[in-house]
Structures are given as structure tokens and as C-alpha cells.
Amino acid sequence: MNVLISAPTIQLIPSLAEKIGLNEAIVLQQLHFRSCISENWRNGHKWVYKTYEDWKKQEFPFWSIPTIKRVIYKLEKEGYLISTDCYNRMYMDKTKWYRINYEILYAVVDQNALTTLSKESRKLAQNELASQLDLIPPITKEVPNKPTNNTHKEIVEDNLDVVAVIDYLNDKARKQFKVSSKATIRLVTARFGEGYCLADFKKVIDIKVKDWLREPHWEKYLRPSTLFNATNFENYLGESKGSQVLKEKMSASFELDFSKGEF
């Protein structure tokens, strides 16, 4: 019976495991590999999205789900791992998207480095660290993507955030805007690049649909070029926040006095 294996295995930098923990180093190492082959670009970063069940089934079958949760939570808490569910297409979908905070990780490897680096050099340092950590072959075998001539499918895969926004707009405003429009892609990705998330787009759409749908003069403005324009988008989103504040103030100040009986 063989006790050593010749199949692909996880390789680690011992000094990294010593500083952040063995399990944590294993997760970061595998996440780095997945990031390198990921095509999910959001706001200038590559992301990997998985449920905890996916992590166990596809990456770490030797751990329980509670163990995976504990390791990921520790990495998030200590800043090595950045996660969000903001990029999910459906509001109820809580699948988390992950990326490594290479700047924090580099600071652990060389704690004095970041204090002496310029912004440009810091970026190079992060890339250098990513290269240094690129040691692992995959745990699971990758199946190459088959070439396809389906342009719509390619657009969906490359612009999931745009698709989610336009699908929501089409559904609420009863429109048929195309996700392949370069102008629409440019507008939506620009807003995402400014830090807005899918929930913000939905708020803007909901507000203006409520105001303009079935209004002959205004209904035509339920379109990406109007809603997602930089200035308009910020103003419309402000309407949502202002309305919420007003409701809270009215709720706090409005009290019924039953001491005087009926009028």
C-alpha cells in the first residue's frame, strides 16, 4: 500500500503557514490558484464565487463545512480575504464572491515593505507576491472551455453584473433593452467601478419605475442612458435615501394620543 502520492498536491510556503496558520494558508493558496484562472472581473479585480458546499465538494473534501466556515471567517476578519454577495444576479442569492487582499498578505510576508513603497511600487509588489505564491497545481482537474459561437452566451459570462441590471430593468419597466449594447455596458460598468452595487441599481430602477411607468411623457426615460448616467444615478439614489430618512422621521414623531377620547 502506497503512503506517498504522485498525484497533484497542494504546496505551501512554510513561512506563510507559520504566520497565518496552516488551514488559512491552504485556503489562500487554493483561492490564489482559482483567481489566476478566473474570468470573473469586477471593479478591476478577479473574483471567485462559491458556496461553502462548493468549497467542500470541489476544493477541500477532507474538511467539514463548519471547519471551512471558521477558516474563511478568520481570513475575512484578519483582512487577508475580501468577500461580498453584491455581485449576485438574484437578490436572494447569498453565494459569496472572494478575492485575496494581496496588499495585506504582502505586509505579512514583509511587514516593513509597505511603509516604504510608493503606490506604483506597491502594485508591483502585489503582483510579485502573487507570482511567488503561484506554486500549486489544482486539486481538481480543470476541463477546458469548449469554443462557442454563441455571442449572447459570451456576453452573459463576461458581463454578469450588466446582465443582472438590464434583466431587472426590462422586467420592472417592461422593456427589451439588449445587454450587448456597448453604451449600456459602459454606463453600468462605470457605476460599478465607482463602488455602487446591484442593490443600488435596483433601488434606482424601482424609484423611477414607480414615478414614470404609465406616464406617457416620462416613460420613455426608463432607459439605461437616463437612469445610469453618472449625475442622474447619484441623484435618483439620493431620492431613495431621502425618502427613507423622511419616513423614519415621520414614524418617530407621529404618536397617537388616546387620552382625550374620540373627536
Foldseek 3Di string as FASTA:
>chain_A
DDPDDPDFDDDFDVVLCVQQNVVLRSVQLQQLVVQVPALADFLRGGKDWDDLVCCCVFPNVVDDSVVVVVSVVSCVVQQQKDKDQLQDLDPPDGTIIIDGPLLVSLCSVPVPPVVPDDPVVSVVSSVVVSVVSNDGDGPDDDDDDDDDPPPLVVLCSNCVSLVSLVVLLCVLLVDDDDSPDPVLSVLRSVVSNVPDGSVLSNQLSVQLSVVARPPVVRSVQSDSVNCRDPVNSVVSSVVVVVVVVVVVVCVVPDDDDPPVPDD
